[in-house]
Amino acid sequence: MTKAKITLKGESPSDLDKVIVQIKELSRTLNMKVIGPIPMPRKKLEISPRRTPCGDGSDTYEHWEKRISKRLVVVEGDEKMIRQILRVKVPDSVFVKISLV
């Protein structure tokens, strides 16, 4: 039995949840042990540029932010079963990192 830590990162939490549901359904059909999803702290990227690039006028700023959500799922099973989990359809907005323990 090997363990695989699956880390999912993305902008929209709904896309992450869809992938997690697919992983859980597949692992239930294969009788694998699943721990998670464990929500990790959300990363917030902020930038506040000036509205007028030339510097004339008042000091007004725009505020932009991007939030990156993370989830962790631990799957325990045989190597053949873990390879089938790799076939799950993942949208382009989700980044997947799999590490074997």
PDB file of N, CA and C in Angstrom:
ATOM      1  N   MET A   1       0.842  -1.179   0.000  1.00  0.00           N
ATOM      2  CA  MET A   1       0.000   0.000   0.000  1.00  0.00           C
ATOM      3  C   MET A   1       0.887   1.242   0.000  1.00  0.00           C
ATOM      4  N   THR A   2       0.615   2.116  -0.925  1.00  0.00           N
ATOM      5  CA  THR A   2       1.346   3.376  -1.001  1.00  0.00           C
ATOM      6  C   THR A   2       0.375   4.522  -0.786  1.00  0.00           C
ATOM      7  N   LYS A   3       0.914   5.613  -0.286  1.00  0.00           N
ATOM      8  CA  LYS A   3       0.111   6.813  -0.082  1.00  0.00           C
ATOM      9  C   LYS A   3       0.492   7.846  -1.119  1.00  0.00           C
ATOM     10  N   ALA A   4      -0.499   8.578  -1.595  1.00  0.00           N
ATOM     11  CA  ALA A   4      -0.268   9.662  -2.534  1.00  0.00           C
ATOM     12  C   ALA A   4      -0.903  10.926  -1.975  1.00  0.00           C
ATOM     13  N   LYS A   5      -0.101  11.978  -1.867  1.00  0.00           N
ATOM     14  CA  LYS A   5      -0.613  13.284  -1.442  1.00  0.00           C
ATOM     15  C   LYS A   5      -0.920  14.079  -2.697  1.00  0.00           C
ATOM     16  N   ILE A   6      -2.176  14.475  -2.836  1.00  0.00           N
ATOM     17  CA  ILE A   6      -2.610  15.227  -4.002  1.00  0.00           C
ATOM     18  C   ILE A   6      -2.907  16.650  -3.540  1.00  0.00           C
ATOM     19  N   THR A   7      -2.154  17.618  -4.059  1.00  0.00           N
ATOM     20  CA  THR A   7      -2.361  19.021  -3.735  1.00  0.00           C
ATOM     21  C   THR A   7      -2.998  19.696  -4.936  1.00  0.00           C
ATOM     22  N   LEU A   8      -4.124  20.356  -4.718  1.00  0.00           N
ATOM     23  CA  LEU A   8      -4.850  21.049  -5.772  1.00  0.00           C
ATOM     24  C   LEU A   8      -4.806  22.545  -5.503  1.00  0.00           C
ATOM     25  N   LYS A   9      -4.463  23.331  -6.519  1.00  0.00           N
ATOM     26  CA  LYS A   9      -4.431  24.789  -6.402  1.00  0.00           C
ATOM     27  C   LYS A   9      -5.230  25.378  -7.543  1.00  0.00           C
ATOM     28  N   GLY A  10      -5.952  26.457  -7.261  1.00  0.00           N
ATOM     29  CA  GLY A  10      -6.721  27.120  -8.298  1.00  0.00           C
ATOM     30  C   GLY A  10      -7.379  28.377  -7.803  1.00  0.00           C
ATOM     31  N   GLU A  11      -7.876  29.172  -8.755  1.00  0.00           N
ATOM     32  CA  GLU A  11      -8.523  30.433  -8.413  1.00  0.00           C
ATOM     33  C   GLU A  11      -9.942  30.230  -7.902  1.00  0.00           C
ATOM     34  N   SER A  12     -10.661  29.310  -8.477  1.00  0.00           N
ATOM     35  CA  SER A  12     -12.059  29.133  -8.073  1.00  0.00           C
ATOM     36  C   SER A  12     -12.207  27.868  -7.226  1.00  0.00           C
ATOM     37  N   PRO A  13     -12.762  28.005  -6.022  1.00  0.00           N
ATOM     38  CA  PRO A  13     -12.957  26.831  -5.166  1.00  0.00           C
ATOM     39  C   PRO A  13     -13.936  25.821  -5.742  1.00  0.00           C
ATOM     40  N   SER A  14     -14.867  26.268  -6.584  1.00  0.00           N
ATOM     41  CA  SER A  14     -15.839  25.332  -7.163  1.00  0.00           C
ATOM     42  C   SER A  14     -15.159  24.345  -8.112  1.00  0.00           C
ATOM     43  N   ASP A  15     -14.162  24.814  -8.875  1.00  0.00           N
ATOM     44  CA  ASP A  15     -13.424  23.894  -9.754  1.00  0.00           C
ATOM     45  C   ASP A  15     -12.642  22.867  -8.940  1.00  0.00           C
ATOM     46  N   LEU A  16     -12.063  23.314  -7.824  1.00  0.00           N
ATOM     47  CA  LEU A  16     -11.336  22.388  -6.957  1.00  0.00           C
ATOM     48  C   LEU A  16     -12.270  21.328  -6.398  1.00  0.00           C
ATOM     49  N   ASP A  17     -13.463  21.746  -5.978  1.00  0.00           N
ATOM     50  CA  ASP A  17     -14.413  20.807  -5.400  1.00  0.00           C
ATOM     51  C   ASP A  17     -14.894  19.781  -6.420  1.00  0.00           C
ATOM     52  N   LYS A  18     -15.039  20.196  -7.686  1.00  0.00           N
ATOM     53  CA  LYS A  18     -15.458  19.254  -8.727  1.00  0.00           C
ATOM     54  C   LYS A  18     -14.420  18.158  -8.931  1.00  0.00           C
ATOM     55  N   VAL A  19     -13.146  18.535  -8.920  1.00  0.00           N
ATOM     56  CA  VAL A  19     -12.077  17.545  -9.087  1.00  0.00           C
ATOM     57  C   VAL A  19     -12.035  16.616  -7.879  1.00  0.00           C
ATOM     58  N   ILE A  20     -12.227  17.169  -6.682  1.00  0.00           N
ATOM     59  CA  ILE A  20     -12.198  16.359  -5.466  1.00  0.00           C
ATOM     60  C   ILE A  20     -13.342  15.351  -5.459  1.00  0.00           C
ATOM     61  N   VAL A  21     -14.513  15.762  -5.934  1.00  0.00           N
ATOM     62  CA  VAL A  21     -15.650  14.834  -6.005  1.00  0.00           C
ATOM     63  C   VAL A  21     -15.326  13.679  -6.946  1.00  0.00           C
ATOM     64  N   GLN A  22     -14.690  13.969  -8.080  1.00  0.00           N
ATOM     65  CA  GLN A  22     -14.305  12.906  -9.014  1.00  0.00           C
ATOM     66  C   GLN A  22     -13.304  11.944  -8.372  1.00  0.00           C
ATOM     67  N   ILE A  23     -12.327  12.483  -7.631  1.00  0.00           N
ATOM     68  CA  ILE A  23     -11.324  11.641  -6.982  1.00  0.00           C
ATOM     69  C   ILE A  23     -11.986  10.759  -5.923  1.00  0.00           C
ATOM     70  N   LYS A  24     -12.897  11.327  -5.138  1.00  0.00           N
ATOM     71  CA  LYS A  24     -13.562  10.547  -4.093  1.00  0.00           C
ATOM     72  C   LYS A  24     -14.439   9.445  -4.675  1.00  0.00           C
ATOM     73  N   GLU A  25     -15.176   9.755  -5.753  1.00  0.00           N
ATOM     74  CA  GLU A  25     -16.034   8.739  -6.369  1.00  0.00           C
ATOM     75  C   GLU A  25     -15.200   7.589  -6.930  1.00  0.00           C
ATOM     76  N   LEU A  26     -14.105   7.922  -7.579  1.00  0.00           N
ATOM     77  CA  LEU A  26     -13.252   6.886  -8.150  1.00  0.00           C
ATOM     78  C   LEU A  26     -12.609   6.044  -7.053  1.00  0.00           C
ATOM     79  N   SER A  27     -12.210   6.686  -5.967  1.00  0.00           N
ATOM     80  CA  SER A  27     -11.569   5.929  -4.881  1.00  0.00           C
ATOM     81  C   SER A  27     -12.578   5.036  -4.146  1.00  0.00           C
ATOM     82  N   ARG A  28     -13.838   5.453  -4.087  1.00  0.00           N
ATOM     83  CA  ARG A  28     -14.862   4.597  -3.471  1.00  0.00           C
ATOM     84  C   ARG A  28     -15.113   3.352  -4.306  1.00  0.00           C
ATOM     85  N   THR A  29     -15.119   3.504  -5.626  1.00  0.00           N
ATOM     86  CA  THR A  29     -15.339   2.342  -6.485  1.00  0.00           C
ATOM     87  C   THR A  29     -14.164   1.372  -6.414  1.00  0.00           C
ATOM     88  N   LEU A  30     -12.963   1.884  -6.138  1.00  0.00           N
ATOM     89  CA  LEU A  30     -11.774   1.036  -6.061  1.00  0.00           C
ATOM     90  C   LEU A  30     -11.455   0.593  -4.636  1.00  0.00           C
ATOM     91  N   ASN A  31     -12.318   0.935  -3.663  1.00  0.00           N
ATOM     92  CA  ASN A  31     -12.129   0.593  -2.246  1.00  0.00           C
ATOM     93  C   ASN A  31     -10.794   1.093  -1.701  1.00  0.00           C
ATOM     94  N   MET A  32     -10.510   2.361  -1.959  1.00  0.00           N
ATOM     95  CA  MET A  32      -9.289   2.991  -1.465  1.00  0.00           C
ATOM     96  C   MET A  32      -9.622   3.863  -0.264  1.00  0.00           C
ATOM     97  N   LYS A  33      -8.638   4.064   0.597  1.00  0.00           N
ATOM     98  CA  LYS A  33      -8.820   4.916   1.763  1.00  0.00           C
ATOM     99  C   LYS A  33      -8.484   6.359   1.372  1.00  0.00           C
ATOM    100  N   VAL A  34      -9.407   7.287   1.683  1.00  0.00           N
ATOM    101  CA  VAL A  34      -9.237   8.687   1.318  1.00  0.00           C
ATOM    102  C   VAL A  34      -9.308   9.547   2.573  1.00  0.00           C
ATOM    103  N   ILE A  35      -8.355  10.453   2.728  1.00  0.00           N
ATOM    104  CA  ILE A  35      -8.371  11.431   3.807  1.00  0.00           C
ATOM    105  C   ILE A  35      -8.460  12.807   3.162  1.00  0.00           C
ATOM    106  N   GLY A  36      -9.475  13.543   3.523  1.00  0.00           N
ATOM    107  CA  GLY A  36      -9.590  14.897   2.991  1.00  0.00           C
ATOM    108  C   GLY A  36     -10.918  15.117   2.324  1.00  0.00           C
ATOM    109  N   PRO A  37     -11.112  16.207   1.720  1.00  0.00           N
ATOM    110  CA  PRO A  37     -10.170  17.279   1.403  1.00  0.00           C
ATOM    111  C   PRO A  37      -9.878  18.158   2.621  1.00  0.00           C
ATOM    112  N   ILE A  38      -8.623  18.504   2.769  1.00  0.00           N
ATOM    113  CA  ILE A  38      -8.193  19.382   3.844  1.00  0.00           C
ATOM    114  C   ILE A  38      -7.975  20.766   3.236  1.00  0.00           C
ATOM    115  N   PRO A  39      -8.765  21.760   3.647  1.00  0.00           N
ATOM    116  CA  PRO A  39      -8.565  23.101   3.089  1.00  0.00           C
ATOM    117  C   PRO A  39      -7.308  23.748   3.663  1.00  0.00           C
ATOM    118  N   MET A  40      -6.449  24.210   2.802  1.00  0.00           N
ATOM    119  CA  MET A  40      -5.223  24.893   3.204  1.00  0.00           C
ATOM    120  C   MET A  40      -5.479  26.400   3.191  1.00  0.00           C
ATOM    121  N   PRO A  41      -4.620  27.186   3.831  1.00  0.00           N
ATOM    122  CA  PRO A  41      -4.835  28.635   3.845  1.00  0.00           C
ATOM    123  C   PRO A  41      -4.836  29.228   2.440  1.00  0.00           C
ATOM    124  N   ARG A  42      -5.743  30.160   2.220  1.00  0.00           N
ATOM    125  CA  ARG A  42      -5.882  30.807   0.921  1.00  0.00           C
ATOM    126  C   ARG A  42      -4.791  31.864   0.767  1.00  0.00           C
ATOM    127  N   LYS A  43      -4.171  31.891  -0.384  1.00  0.00           N
ATOM    128  CA  LYS A  43      -3.121  32.870  -0.656  1.00  0.00           C
ATOM    129  C   LYS A  43      -3.743  34.057  -1.383  1.00  0.00           C
ATOM    130  N   LYS A  44      -3.452  35.254  -0.906  1.00  0.00           N
ATOM    131  CA  LYS A  44      -4.028  36.453  -1.490  1.00  0.00           C
ATOM    132  C   LYS A  44      -2.909  37.308  -2.078  1.00  0.00           C
ATOM    133  N   LEU A  45      -2.969  37.530  -3.384  1.00  0.00           N
ATOM    134  CA  LEU A  45      -1.996  38.372  -4.076  1.00  0.00           C
ATOM    135  C   LEU A  45      -2.648  39.722  -4.347  1.00  0.00           C
ATOM    136  N   GLU A  46      -2.033  40.800  -3.861  1.00  0.00           N
ATOM    137  CA  GLU A  46      -2.611  42.136  -4.015  1.00  0.00           C
ATOM    138  C   GLU A  46      -1.645  43.045  -4.754  1.00  0.00           C
ATOM    139  N   ILE A  47      -2.226  43.941  -5.547  1.00  0.00           N
ATOM    140  CA  ILE A  47      -1.454  44.974  -6.215  1.00  0.00           C
ATOM    141  C   ILE A  47      -2.333  46.225  -6.272  1.00  0.00           C
ATOM    142  N   SER A  48      -1.739  47.372  -6.028  1.00  0.00           N
ATOM    143  CA  SER A  48      -2.503  48.621  -6.073  1.00  0.00           C
ATOM    144  C   SER A  48      -1.733  49.660  -6.888  1.00  0.00           C
ATOM    145  N   PRO A  49      -1.975  49.682  -8.212  1.00  0.00           N
ATOM    146  CA  PRO A  49      -1.290  50.659  -9.070  1.00  0.00           C
ATOM    147  C   PRO A  49      -2.023  52.003  -9.083  1.00  0.00           C
ATOM    148  N   ARG A  50      -1.323  53.045  -9.500  1.00  0.00           N
ATOM    149  CA  ARG A  50      -1.950  54.363  -9.633  1.00  0.00           C
ATOM    150  C   ARG A  50      -2.843  54.393 -10.857  1.00  0.00           C
ATOM    151  N   ARG A  51      -3.898  55.175 -10.785  1.00  0.00           N
ATOM    152  CA  ARG A  51      -4.821  55.259 -11.924  1.00  0.00           C
ATOM    153  C   ARG A  51      -4.225  56.071 -13.063  1.00  0.00           C
ATOM    154  N   THR A  52      -3.531  57.145 -12.743  1.00  0.00           N
ATOM    155  CA  THR A  52      -2.920  57.962 -13.791  1.00  0.00           C
ATOM    156  C   THR A  52      -1.428  57.672 -13.827  1.00  0.00           C
ATOM    157  N   PRO A  53      -0.960  57.057 -14.897  1.00  0.00           N
ATOM    158  CA  PRO A  53       0.455  56.689 -14.941  1.00  0.00           C
ATOM    159  C   PRO A  53       1.397  57.891 -15.070  1.00  0.00           C
ATOM    160  N   CYS A  54       0.880  59.036 -15.549  1.00  0.00           N
ATOM    161  CA  CYS A  54       1.766  60.177 -15.755  1.00  0.00           C
ATOM    162  C   CYS A  54       2.061  60.919 -14.447  1.00  0.00           C
ATOM    163  N   GLY A  55       1.259  60.695 -13.404  1.00  0.00           N
ATOM    164  CA  GLY A  55       1.516  61.334 -12.123  1.00  0.00           C
ATOM    165  C   GLY A  55       0.759  62.628 -11.926  1.00  0.00           C
ATOM    166  N   ASP A  56      -0.001  63.087 -12.910  1.00  0.00           N
ATOM    167  CA  ASP A  56      -0.783  64.315 -12.768  1.00  0.00           C
ATOM    168  C   ASP A  56      -2.068  64.025 -12.004  1.00  0.00           C
ATOM    169  N   GLY A  57      -2.589  65.024 -11.352  1.00  0.00           N
ATOM    170  CA  GLY A  57      -3.862  64.885 -10.665  1.00  0.00           C
ATOM    171  C   GLY A  57      -3.672  64.360  -9.252  1.00  0.00           C
ATOM    172  N   SER A  58      -4.772  63.868  -8.681  1.00  0.00           N
ATOM    173  CA  SER A  58      -4.729  63.410  -7.294  1.00  0.00           C
ATOM    174  C   SER A  58      -4.141  62.006  -7.205  1.00  0.00           C
ATOM    175  N   ASP A  59      -3.753  61.643  -6.021  1.00  0.00           N
ATOM    176  CA  ASP A  59      -3.203  60.313  -5.797  1.00  0.00           C
ATOM    177  C   ASP A  59      -4.352  59.320  -5.645  1.00  0.00           C
ATOM    178  N   THR A  60      -4.794  58.734  -6.748  1.00  0.00           N
ATOM    179  CA  THR A  60      -5.856  57.732  -6.710  1.00  0.00           C
ATOM    180  C   THR A  60      -5.275  56.393  -7.141  1.00  0.00           C
ATOM    181  N   TYR A  61      -5.691  55.356  -6.460  1.00  0.00           N
ATOM    182  CA  TYR A  61      -5.163  54.020  -6.704  1.00  0.00           C
ATOM    183  C   TYR A  61      -6.293  53.049  -7.004  1.00  0.00           C
ATOM    184  N   GLU A  62      -5.974  52.044  -7.832  1.00  0.00           N
ATOM    185  CA  GLU A  62      -6.872  50.923  -8.068  1.00  0.00           C
ATOM    186  C   GLU A  62      -6.362  49.747  -7.251  1.00  0.00           C
ATOM    187  N   HIS A  63      -7.269  48.952  -6.737  1.00  0.00           N
ATOM    188  CA  HIS A  63      -6.884  47.788  -5.930  1.00  0.00           C
ATOM    189  C   HIS A  63      -7.308  46.515  -6.649  1.00  0.00           C
ATOM    190  N   TRP A  64      -6.345  45.671  -6.916  1.00  0.00           N
ATOM    191  CA  TRP A  64      -6.593  44.388  -7.574  1.00  0.00           C
ATOM    192  C   TRP A  64      -6.091  43.284  -6.662  1.00  0.00           C
ATOM    193  N   GLU A  65      -6.817  42.184  -6.639  1.00  0.00           N
ATOM    194  CA  GLU A  65      -6.360  41.042  -5.859  1.00  0.00           C
ATOM    195  C   GLU A  65      -6.736  39.742  -6.553  1.00  0.00           C
ATOM    196  N   LYS A  66      -5.933  38.734  -6.288  1.00  0.00           N
ATOM    197  CA  LYS A  66      -6.164  37.403  -6.838  1.00  0.00           C
ATOM    198  C   LYS A  66      -6.053  36.433  -5.676  1.00  0.00           C
ATOM    199  N   ARG A  67      -7.045  35.587  -5.516  1.00  0.00           N
ATOM    200  CA  ARG A  67      -7.058  34.623  -4.417  1.00  0.00           C
ATOM    201  C   ARG A  67      -6.823  33.231  -4.970  1.00  0.00           C
ATOM    202  N   ILE A  68      -5.893  32.517  -4.348  1.00  0.00           N
ATOM    203  CA  ILE A  68      -5.558  31.161  -4.781  1.00  0.00           C
ATOM    204  C   ILE A  68      -5.923  30.209  -3.649  1.00  0.00           C
ATOM    205  N   SER A  69      -6.850  29.309  -3.934  1.00  0.00           N
ATOM    206  CA  SER A  69      -7.304  28.327  -2.941  1.00  0.00           C
ATOM    207  C   SER A  69      -6.511  27.044  -3.097  1.00  0.00           C
ATOM    208  N   LYS A  70      -6.332  26.333  -1.981  1.00  0.00           N
ATOM    209  CA  LYS A  70      -5.587  25.076  -2.000  1.00  0.00           C
ATOM    210  C   LYS A  70      -6.363  24.013  -1.236  1.00  0.00           C
ATOM    211  N   ARG A  71      -6.266  22.777  -1.699  1.00  0.00           N
ATOM    212  CA  ARG A  71      -6.860  21.625  -1.018  1.00  0.00           C
ATOM    213  C   ARG A  71      -5.843  20.495  -1.023  1.00  0.00           C
ATOM    214  N   LEU A  72      -5.898  19.672   0.012  1.00  0.00           N
ATOM    215  CA  LEU A  72      -5.009  18.521   0.128  1.00  0.00           C
ATOM    216  C   LEU A  72      -5.852  17.269   0.307  1.00  0.00           C
ATOM    217  N   VAL A  73      -5.569  16.252  -0.493  1.00  0.00           N
ATOM    218  CA  VAL A  73      -6.248  14.962  -0.412  1.00  0.00           C
ATOM    219  C   VAL A  73      -5.175  13.888  -0.332  1.00  0.00           C
ATOM    220  N   VAL A  74      -5.326  12.971   0.622  1.00  0.00           N
ATOM    221  CA  VAL A  74      -4.386  11.858   0.774  1.00  0.00           C
ATOM    222  C   VAL A  74      -5.126  10.575   0.401  1.00  0.00           C
ATOM    223  N   VAL A  75      -4.566   9.826  -0.531  1.00  0.00           N
ATOM    224  CA  VAL A  75      -5.172   8.592  -1.026  1.00  0.00           C
ATOM    225  C   VAL A  75      -4.222   7.445  -0.728  1.00  0.00           C
ATOM    226  N   GLU A  76      -4.771   6.339  -0.222  1.00  0.00           N
ATOM    227  CA  GLU A  76      -3.949   5.178   0.109  1.00  0.00           C
ATOM    228  C   GLU A  76      -4.462   3.977  -0.668  1.00  0.00           C
ATOM    229  N   GLY A  77      -3.564   3.353  -1.420  1.00  0.00           N
ATOM    230  CA  GLY A  77      -3.949   2.185  -2.206  1.00  0.00           C
ATOM    231  C   GLY A  77      -2.768   1.646  -2.983  1.00  0.00           C
ATOM    232  N   ASP A  78      -3.042   0.711  -3.887  1.00  0.00           N
ATOM    233  CA  ASP A  78      -2.001   0.135  -4.726  1.00  0.00           C
ATOM    234  C   ASP A  78      -1.594   1.125  -5.810  1.00  0.00           C
ATOM    235  N   GLU A  79      -0.448   0.833  -6.439  1.00  0.00           N
ATOM    236  CA  GLU A  79       0.045   1.730  -7.485  1.00  0.00           C
ATOM    237  C   GLU A  79      -0.873   1.745  -8.704  1.00  0.00           C
ATOM    238  N   LYS A  80      -1.470   0.605  -9.023  1.00  0.00           N
ATOM    239  CA  LYS A  80      -2.386   0.542 -10.168  1.00  0.00           C
ATOM    240  C   LYS A  80      -3.616   1.418  -9.937  1.00  0.00           C
ATOM    241  N   MET A  81      -4.095   1.410  -8.689  1.00  0.00           N
ATOM    242  CA  MET A  81      -5.267   2.225  -8.368  1.00  0.00           C
ATOM    243  C   MET A  81      -4.921   3.716  -8.411  1.00  0.00           C
ATOM    244  N   ILE A  82      -3.739   4.065  -7.948  1.00  0.00           N
ATOM    245  CA  ILE A  82      -3.328   5.475  -7.955  1.00  0.00           C
ATOM    246  C   ILE A  82      -3.145   5.966  -9.381  1.00  0.00           C
ATOM    247  N   ARG A  83      -2.695   5.105 -10.267  1.00  0.00           N
ATOM    248  CA  ARG A  83      -2.565   5.491 -11.678  1.00  0.00           C
ATOM    249  C   ARG A  83      -3.921   5.794 -12.301  1.00  0.00           C
ATOM    250  N   GLN A  84      -4.960   5.095 -11.875  1.00  0.00           N
ATOM    251  CA  GLN A  84      -6.296   5.385 -12.404  1.00  0.00           C
ATOM    252  C   GLN A  84      -6.797   6.738 -11.929  1.00  0.00           C
ATOM    253  N   ILE A  85      -6.377   7.164 -10.739  1.00  0.00           N
ATOM    254  CA  ILE A  85      -6.764   8.490 -10.247  1.00  0.00           C
ATOM    255  C   ILE A  85      -6.118   9.581 -11.097  1.00  0.00           C
ATOM    256  N   LEU A  86      -4.948   9.292 -11.677  1.00  0.00           N
ATOM    257  CA  LEU A  86      -4.274  10.273 -12.521  1.00  0.00           C
ATOM    258  C   LEU A  86      -5.061  10.556 -13.798  1.00  0.00           C
ATOM    259  N   ARG A  87      -6.015   9.711 -14.145  1.00  0.00           N
ATOM    260  CA  ARG A  87      -6.803   9.886 -15.368  1.00  0.00           C
ATOM    261  C   ARG A  87      -8.011  10.791 -15.183  1.00  0.00           C
ATOM    262  N   VAL A  88      -8.186  11.336 -13.982  1.00  0.00           N
ATOM    263  CA  VAL A  88      -9.330  12.214 -13.709  1.00  0.00           C
ATOM    264  C   VAL A  88      -9.203  13.477 -14.552  1.00  0.00           C
ATOM    265  N   LYS A  89     -10.304  13.931 -15.119  1.00  0.00           N
ATOM    266  CA  LYS A  89     -10.294  15.134 -15.942  1.00  0.00           C
ATOM    267  C   LYS A  89     -10.176  16.361 -15.044  1.00  0.00           C
ATOM    268  N   VAL A  90      -9.165  17.167 -15.324  1.00  0.00           N
ATOM    269  CA  VAL A  90      -8.886  18.355 -14.529  1.00  0.00           C
ATOM    270  C   VAL A  90      -9.012  19.579 -15.434  1.00  0.00           C
ATOM    271  N   PRO A  91      -9.780  20.609 -15.021  1.00  0.00           N
ATOM    272  CA  PRO A  91      -9.871  21.822 -15.843  1.00  0.00           C
ATOM    273  C   PRO A  91      -8.540  22.570 -15.894  1.00  0.00           C
ATOM    274  N   ASP A  92      -8.411  23.455 -16.870  1.00  0.00           N
ATOM    275  CA  ASP A  92      -7.166  24.199 -17.043  1.00  0.00           C
ATOM    276  C   ASP A  92      -6.878  25.142 -15.888  1.00  0.00           C
ATOM    277  N   SER A  93      -7.895  25.548 -15.144  1.00  0.00           N
ATOM    278  CA  SER A  93      -7.702  26.502 -14.067  1.00  0.00           C
ATOM    279  C   SER A  93      -7.190  25.867 -12.775  1.00  0.00           C
ATOM    280  N   VAL A  94      -7.058  24.535 -12.759  1.00  0.00           N
ATOM    281  CA  VAL A  94      -6.624  23.826 -11.556  1.00  0.00           C
ATOM    282  C   VAL A  94      -5.237  23.230 -11.786  1.00  0.00           C
ATOM    283  N   PHE A  95      -4.334  23.476 -10.825  1.00  0.00           N
ATOM    284  CA  PHE A  95      -2.987  22.917 -10.861  1.00  0.00           C
ATOM    285  C   PHE A  95      -2.934  21.751  -9.889  1.00  0.00           C
ATOM    286  N   VAL A  96      -2.440  20.593 -10.352  1.00  0.00           N
ATOM    287  CA  VAL A  96      -2.412  19.382  -9.539  1.00  0.00           C
ATOM    288  C   VAL A  96      -0.969  18.960  -9.325  1.00  0.00           C
ATOM    289  N   LYS A  97      -0.631  18.674  -8.053  1.00  0.00           N
ATOM    290  CA  LYS A  97       0.694  18.155  -7.720  1.00  0.00           C
ATOM    291  C   LYS A  97       0.500  16.875  -6.929  1.00  0.00           C
ATOM    292  N   ILE A  98       1.114  15.789  -7.394  1.00  0.00           N
ATOM    293  CA  ILE A  98       0.974  14.479  -6.748  1.00  0.00           C
ATOM    294  C   ILE A  98       2.353  14.032  -6.271  1.00  0.00           C
ATOM    295  N   SER A  99       2.433  13.693  -4.989  1.00  0.00           N
ATOM    296  CA  SER A  99       3.687  13.178  -4.448  1.00  0.00           C
ATOM    297  C   SER A  99       3.413  11.872  -3.729  1.00  0.00           C
ATOM    298  N   LEU A 100       4.244  10.880  -3.992  1.00  0.00           N
ATOM    299  CA  LEU A 100       4.095   9.569  -3.367  1.00  0.00           C
ATOM    300  C   LEU A 100       4.877   9.546  -2.055  1.00  0.00           C
ATOM    301  N   VAL A 101       4.245   8.968  -1.033  1.00  0.00           N
ATOM    302  CA  VAL A 101       4.869   8.905   0.290  1.00  0.00           C
ATOM    303  C   VAL A 101       5.209   7.472   0.617  1.00  0.00           C
TER     304      VAL A 101
END
